Amino acid sequence: MYRPEIDLDKLVALDIHVHIESGENGENSLPEDLVAAAAKYFKTSDVGTDLASVAQHFRERDMAAVVFTVDASTALGHTPISSKRIAEQASDHADALIPFGSVDPLKGTAAIDEAIELVEDYGVRGFKLHPTVQGFDPSDESVRPLWEAIDKLGVPVIIHTGQTGIGAGTPGGRGLKLGYSNPILLDAVYADFPSLQIIMAHPSAPWVDEQISVATHKANAWIDLSGWSPKYFPPQIVRAANSYLQDKVMFGSDFPMIMPDRWMTDFDQLDIKETVRPKILKDNAIRLLGLS
């Protein structure tokens, strides 16, 4: 079972949003057409996206990373990279990696059983869900049992919000519905499960104001700043992160779509208070994940 071995004294930053895109046998996390569309949208670098390569990438930078895949097997008809294998392999890189799991909300009780197994038997430290890619409305009553189960497990959830590069530029966006990722749909989940810690992934364009409103109103709401170069952050996100949301905002790159080196270089140019920078780069995530 995975147990973290991260040296917090030497840690420069904790990236809370890192995708494992390649499995140990060369399988992809998404169907080939979506992989190609995402690569074109993000202009991704040619970098190893298997778990061992990711661990070395972050270890060389004195960083740690939360790693995961997304199980959208029902919506996409594609077998995902195994969250169990991610957790098992992360145990060999516990100095640099923190595994999150992913389950398919459309699988009902099977998803709940898998979530329990991933936490209790494999040691995953949280979950990653993507409403648009997985094809579910997070506010729908059918998802409520899954929220209840994760809440009882006592681990956080990263949920994609805002536009996605997955399917971008394809006919009909490959059938993926952006509206499922409006952060206002999470407001009811925060309200009904006040101890469930949910991280809204990415500056939620075009719903950034809704995202900030929810994060301001709900104590169990967090934001990760992945998927964007900081020089393109909406100004209201920068103001909030620099002031009243400074204890709830975290560094995330969205590796391999955005590389941590680029994110850190551009973040250095932002007008962020020196007292706030370490909170965003690592302290808030350390606290949320219970690593201190």
Protein backbone atom coordinates (compact mmCIF):
# COMPACT_ATOMS: atom_id res chain seq x y z
CA MET A 1 0.00 0.00 0.00
CA TYR A 2 1.23 3.49 -0.87
CA ARG A 3 2.57 5.69 1.94
CA PRO A 4 4.11 9.11 1.22
CA GLU A 5 7.84 9.64 1.83
CA ILE A 6 8.16 13.25 0.69
CA ASP A 7 10.90 15.36 2.26
CA LEU A 8 8.96 18.52 3.04
CA ASP A 9 12.09 20.41 4.12
CA LYS A 10 13.60 20.30 0.63
CA LEU A 11 10.30 20.51 -1.27
CA VAL A 12 10.18 23.46 -3.69
CA ALA A 13 6.61 22.95 -4.87
CA LEU A 14 3.80 20.41 -4.86
CA ASP A 15 2.02 20.06 -8.20
CA ILE A 16 -1.49 18.90 -7.43
CA HIS A 17 -2.54 18.21 -11.04
CA VAL A 18 -0.43 15.77 -13.06
CA HIS A 19 -1.76 13.28 -15.61
CA ILE A 20 -0.33 9.83 -16.21
CA GLU A 21 -0.98 9.56 -19.93
CA SER A 22 0.91 6.33 -20.73
CA GLY A 23 0.59 2.95 -19.05
CA GLU A 24 3.42 0.50 -18.44
CA ASN A 25 2.51 -1.38 -21.63
CA GLY A 26 2.30 1.74 -23.76
CA GLU A 27 -1.48 2.15 -23.56
CA ASN A 28 -2.94 5.66 -23.66
CA SER A 29 -5.30 7.23 -21.15
CA LEU A 30 -7.63 8.39 -23.96
CA PRO A 31 -8.68 7.13 -27.41
CA GLU A 32 -6.20 8.02 -30.14
CA ASP A 33 -8.36 10.73 -31.72
CA LEU A 34 -8.71 12.56 -28.41
CA VAL A 35 -4.99 12.23 -27.70
CA ALA A 36 -4.26 13.87 -31.06
CA ALA A 37 -6.81 16.65 -30.51
CA ALA A 38 -5.43 17.44 -27.05
CA ALA A 39 -1.84 17.49 -28.32
CA LYS A 40 -2.81 19.97 -31.05
CA TYR A 41 -4.78 22.16 -28.63
CA PHE A 42 -2.07 22.31 -25.97
CA LYS A 43 0.98 22.01 -28.27
CA THR A 44 2.35 19.44 -25.84
CA SER A 45 6.04 18.65 -25.42
CA ASP A 46 7.58 15.31 -26.32
CA VAL A 47 8.13 14.12 -22.77
CA GLY A 48 7.70 10.75 -21.09
CA THR A 49 4.24 10.47 -19.54
CA ASP A 50 4.59 7.06 -17.91
CA LEU A 51 4.73 7.03 -14.14
CA ALA A 52 8.47 6.36 -13.75
CA SER A 53 9.37 9.19 -16.17
CA VAL A 54 7.00 11.57 -14.40
CA ALA A 55 8.52 10.71 -11.03
CA GLN A 56 12.02 11.45 -12.30
CA HIS A 57 10.89 14.70 -13.93
CA PHE A 58 9.58 16.05 -10.63
CA ARG A 59 12.32 14.52 -8.46
CA GLU A 60 14.97 16.39 -10.47
CA ARG A 61 13.20 19.65 -9.60
CA ASP A 62 12.74 18.90 -5.88
CA MET A 63 9.01 18.85 -6.51
CA ALA A 64 6.29 16.36 -5.68
CA ALA A 65 3.24 15.60 -7.82
CA VAL A 66 -0.28 14.31 -7.35
CA VAL A 67 -0.72 11.82 -10.21
CA PHE A 68 -3.84 10.27 -11.70
CA THR A 69 -5.72 9.19 -14.78
CA VAL A 70 -9.43 9.56 -15.59
CA ASP A 71 -11.75 6.56 -15.87
CA ALA A 72 -14.23 7.46 -18.60
CA SER A 73 -14.72 3.90 -19.79
CA THR A 74 -18.52 4.17 -20.14
CA ALA A 75 -18.61 7.54 -21.89
CA LEU A 76 -15.64 6.94 -24.20
CA GLY A 77 -15.74 3.16 -24.60
CA HIS A 78 -12.03 3.13 -23.78
CA THR A 79 -10.23 1.11 -21.11
CA PRO A 80 -8.45 3.56 -18.79
CA ILE A 81 -5.01 3.25 -17.32
CA SER A 82 -5.42 1.38 -14.04
CA SER A 83 -5.63 3.53 -10.91
CA LYS A 84 -4.56 0.45 -8.95
CA ARG A 85 -1.37 0.17 -10.96
CA ILE A 86 -0.73 3.89 -10.56
CA ALA A 87 -0.97 3.46 -6.77
CA GLU A 88 1.23 0.36 -6.81
CA GLN A 89 3.89 2.03 -8.96
CA ALA A 90 3.72 5.24 -6.96
CA SER A 91 4.81 3.23 -3.92
CA ASP A 92 8.20 2.85 -5.64
CA HIS A 93 8.40 6.63 -6.06
CA ALA A 94 6.83 7.74 -2.78
CA ASP A 95 9.47 10.47 -2.41
CA ALA A 96 8.02 12.32 -5.43
CA LEU A 97 4.52 11.06 -6.21
CA ILE A 98 1.13 11.02 -4.49
CA PRO A 99 -1.44 8.77 -6.21
CA PHE A 100 -5.08 9.75 -6.69
CA GLY A 101 -7.61 7.30 -8.08
CA SER A 102 -10.38 7.71 -10.61
CA VAL A 103 -13.69 5.86 -10.87
CA ASP A 104 -16.45 6.02 -13.47
CA PRO A 105 -19.52 7.67 -11.87
CA LEU A 106 -21.74 6.11 -14.53
CA LYS A 107 -21.01 2.66 -13.07
CA GLY A 108 -23.07 3.31 -9.93
CA THR A 109 -22.39 0.93 -7.05
CA ALA A 110 -19.41 -0.59 -8.86
CA ALA A 111 -17.73 2.84 -8.80
CA ILE A 112 -18.37 3.10 -5.06
CA ASP A 113 -16.90 -0.36 -4.42
CA GLU A 114 -13.84 0.53 -6.47
CA ALA A 115 -13.38 3.85 -4.65
CA ILE A 116 -13.41 2.08 -1.29
CA GLU A 117 -10.93 -0.52 -2.52
CA LEU A 118 -8.58 2.11 -3.94
CA VAL A 119 -8.38 3.96 -0.62
CA GLU A 120 -8.45 1.07 1.83
CA ASP A 121 -6.34 -1.49 -0.08
CA TYR A 122 -4.13 0.64 -2.34
CA GLY A 123 -3.67 3.83 -0.33
CA VAL A 124 -4.75 6.43 -2.88
CA ARG A 125 -4.94 9.84 -1.25
CA GLY A 126 -7.85 11.26 -3.22
CA PHE A 127 -9.77 11.08 -6.51
CA LYS A 128 -9.87 12.84 -9.88
CA LEU A 129 -13.12 13.21 -11.83
CA HIS A 130 -13.91 14.99 -15.11
CA PRO A 131 -17.64 15.64 -15.61
CA THR A 132 -17.31 16.59 -19.28
CA VAL A 133 -15.14 13.65 -20.33
CA GLN A 134 -16.92 11.17 -18.05
CA GLY A 135 -20.35 12.42 -19.11
CA PHE A 136 -22.04 13.15 -15.80
CA ASP A 137 -23.69 16.05 -14.00
CA PRO A 138 -22.05 16.33 -10.55
CA SER A 139 -25.23 17.81 -9.08
CA ASP A 140 -27.44 14.93 -10.22
CA GLU A 141 -29.04 12.76 -7.54
CA SER A 142 -27.62 9.63 -9.17
CA VAL A 143 -24.10 10.72 -8.18
CA ARG A 144 -25.01 11.43 -4.56
CA PRO A 145 -24.10 7.91 -3.28
CA LEU A 146 -20.60 8.31 -4.71
CA TRP A 147 -20.17 11.66 -2.95
CA GLU A 148 -21.35 10.04 0.29
CA ALA A 149 -18.83 7.21 -0.09
CA ILE A 150 -15.87 9.50 -0.82
CA ASP A 151 -16.89 11.76 2.05
CA LYS A 152 -16.82 8.79 4.42
CA LEU A 153 -13.40 7.78 3.10
CA GLY A 154 -12.10 11.18 4.17
CA VAL A 155 -10.11 12.01 1.04
CA PRO A 156 -10.35 15.04 -1.29
CA VAL A 157 -11.56 15.10 -4.90
CA ILE A 158 -10.16 17.07 -7.82
CA ILE A 159 -12.94 17.87 -10.29
CA HIS A 160 -12.34 19.40 -13.69
CA THR A 161 -14.10 22.72 -14.20
CA GLY A 162 -14.31 25.07 -17.17
CA GLN A 163 -13.55 24.45 -20.81
CA THR A 164 -11.47 21.43 -21.76
CA GLY A 165 -8.93 20.82 -24.47
CA ILE A 166 -10.13 17.21 -24.71
CA GLY A 167 -12.13 16.98 -27.92
CA ALA A 168 -11.43 20.61 -28.81
CA GLY A 169 -11.70 21.31 -32.52
CA THR A 170 -13.38 18.01 -33.40
CA PRO A 171 -16.91 17.74 -34.87
CA GLY A 172 -19.35 18.39 -32.05
CA GLY A 173 -16.41 18.37 -29.65
CA ARG A 174 -16.61 14.56 -29.89
CA GLY A 175 -19.96 14.77 -28.11
CA LEU A 176 -18.40 16.10 -24.89
CA LYS A 177 -20.60 18.59 -23.03
CA LEU A 178 -18.85 21.57 -21.48
CA GLY A 179 -21.84 22.48 -19.31
CA TYR A 180 -21.21 19.53 -17.00
CA SER A 181 -18.04 21.32 -15.90
CA ASN A 182 -19.65 24.58 -14.82
CA PRO A 183 -18.43 25.03 -11.21
CA ILE A 184 -21.87 26.22 -10.08
CA LEU A 185 -23.01 22.58 -10.42
CA LEU A 186 -20.64 21.75 -7.56
CA ASP A 187 -22.23 24.27 -5.22
CA ALA A 188 -24.92 21.81 -4.15
CA VAL A 189 -22.30 19.12 -3.54
CA TYR A 190 -20.30 21.43 -1.30
CA ALA A 191 -23.48 22.39 0.55
CA ASP A 192 -24.72 18.83 1.06
CA PHE A 193 -21.32 17.39 2.03
CA PRO A 194 -19.61 20.10 4.09
CA SER A 195 -16.73 17.86 5.17
CA LEU A 196 -15.95 16.72 1.62
CA GLN A 197 -12.98 18.70 0.32
CA ILE A 198 -13.36 19.38 -3.41
CA ILE A 199 -10.73 21.05 -5.57
CA MET A 200 -12.05 22.90 -8.61
CA ALA A 201 -9.41 22.23 -11.23
CA HIS A 202 -8.23 25.08 -13.46
CA PRO A 203 -9.30 28.71 -13.73
CA SER A 204 -12.86 27.90 -14.84
CA ALA A 205 -13.21 29.86 -18.06
CA PRO A 206 -15.81 30.94 -19.01
CA TRP A 207 -17.19 30.62 -15.47
CA VAL A 208 -14.36 32.15 -13.43
CA ASP A 209 -16.66 34.45 -11.45
CA GLU A 210 -18.90 31.53 -10.52
CA GLN A 211 -15.84 29.57 -9.41
CA ILE A 212 -14.59 32.40 -7.20
CA SER A 213 -18.06 32.85 -5.75
CA VAL A 214 -18.33 29.18 -4.80
CA ALA A 215 -14.81 29.12 -3.35
CA THR A 216 -15.53 32.22 -1.30
CA HIS A 217 -18.85 30.91 0.01
CA LYS A 218 -17.96 27.28 0.78
CA ALA A 219 -15.23 26.51 3.31
CA ASN A 220 -14.64 23.08 1.74
CA ALA A 221 -13.94 24.53 -1.72
CA TRP A 222 -10.43 24.78 -3.20
CA ILE A 223 -8.99 25.86 -6.55
CA ASP A 224 -5.99 24.53 -8.44
CA LEU A 225 -4.36 26.79 -11.01
CA SER A 226 -3.53 24.11 -13.57
CA GLY A 227 -4.05 24.09 -17.31
CA TRP A 228 -3.03 27.72 -17.89
CA SER A 229 0.24 29.56 -18.03
CA PRO A 230 0.05 32.05 -15.14
CA LYS A 231 0.59 34.96 -17.53
CA TYR A 232 -2.86 34.22 -18.97
CA PHE A 233 -4.67 33.89 -15.63
CA PRO A 234 -7.90 35.93 -15.45
CA PRO A 235 -7.12 39.01 -13.32
CA GLN A 236 -9.88 38.25 -10.82
CA ILE A 237 -8.26 34.87 -10.05
CA VAL A 238 -4.94 36.59 -9.39
CA ARG A 239 -6.58 39.14 -7.07
CA ALA A 240 -8.45 36.44 -5.15
CA ALA A 241 -5.38 34.19 -4.85
CA ASN A 242 -3.35 37.13 -3.60
CA SER A 243 -5.87 38.06 -0.91
CA TYR A 244 -9.05 36.46 0.38
CA LEU A 245 -8.50 33.02 -1.26
CA GLN A 246 -4.79 32.78 -0.49
CA ASP A 247 -5.32 29.77 1.81
CA LYS A 248 -7.42 27.84 -0.74
CA VAL A 249 -5.52 28.15 -4.03
CA MET A 250 -2.85 25.69 -5.15
CA PHE A 251 -0.22 25.15 -7.83
CA GLY A 252 -1.10 22.65 -10.53
CA SER A 253 0.53 22.36 -13.93
CA ASP A 254 -1.73 19.95 -15.87
CA PHE A 255 1.38 18.05 -16.98
CA PRO A 256 2.00 17.14 -19.78
CA MET A 257 -0.34 19.77 -21.27
CA ILE A 258 1.43 22.55 -19.34
CA MET A 259 4.94 21.81 -18.11
CA PRO A 260 5.89 22.74 -14.53
CA ASP A 261 9.00 24.65 -15.66
CA ARG A 262 6.93 26.96 -17.83
CA TRP A 263 4.30 27.39 -15.12
CA MET A 264 6.89 28.26 -12.47
CA THR A 265 8.74 30.69 -14.74
CA ASP A 266 5.55 32.56 -15.57
CA PHE A 267 4.35 32.45 -11.95
CA ASP A 268 7.57 34.24 -10.95
CA GLN A 269 6.39 37.20 -13.05
CA LEU A 270 3.01 37.51 -11.32
CA ASP A 271 2.48 40.23 -8.76
CA ILE A 272 1.96 37.84 -5.85
CA LYS A 273 2.88 38.73 -2.27
CA GLU A 274 5.97 36.96 -0.99
CA THR A 275 3.98 35.68 1.98
CA VAL A 276 1.42 34.14 -0.37
CA ARG A 277 3.76 32.43 -2.85
CA PRO A 278 4.69 29.46 -0.62
CA LYS A 279 1.04 28.92 0.24
CA ILE A 280 0.16 28.54 -3.43
CA LEU A 281 3.25 26.54 -4.36
CA LYS A 282 3.09 23.95 -1.59
CA ASP A 283 1.76 24.90 1.86
CA ASN A 284 -1.95 24.78 1.03
CA ALA A 285 -1.61 21.40 -0.68
CA ILE A 286 0.47 20.00 2.17
CA ARG A 287 -2.26 21.02 4.59
CA LEU A 288 -5.10 19.70 2.44
CA LEU A 289 -3.39 16.34 1.89
CA GLY A 290 -2.43 15.95 5.54
CA LEU A 291 1.30 15.63 4.79
CA SER A 292 2.67 17.90 7.52
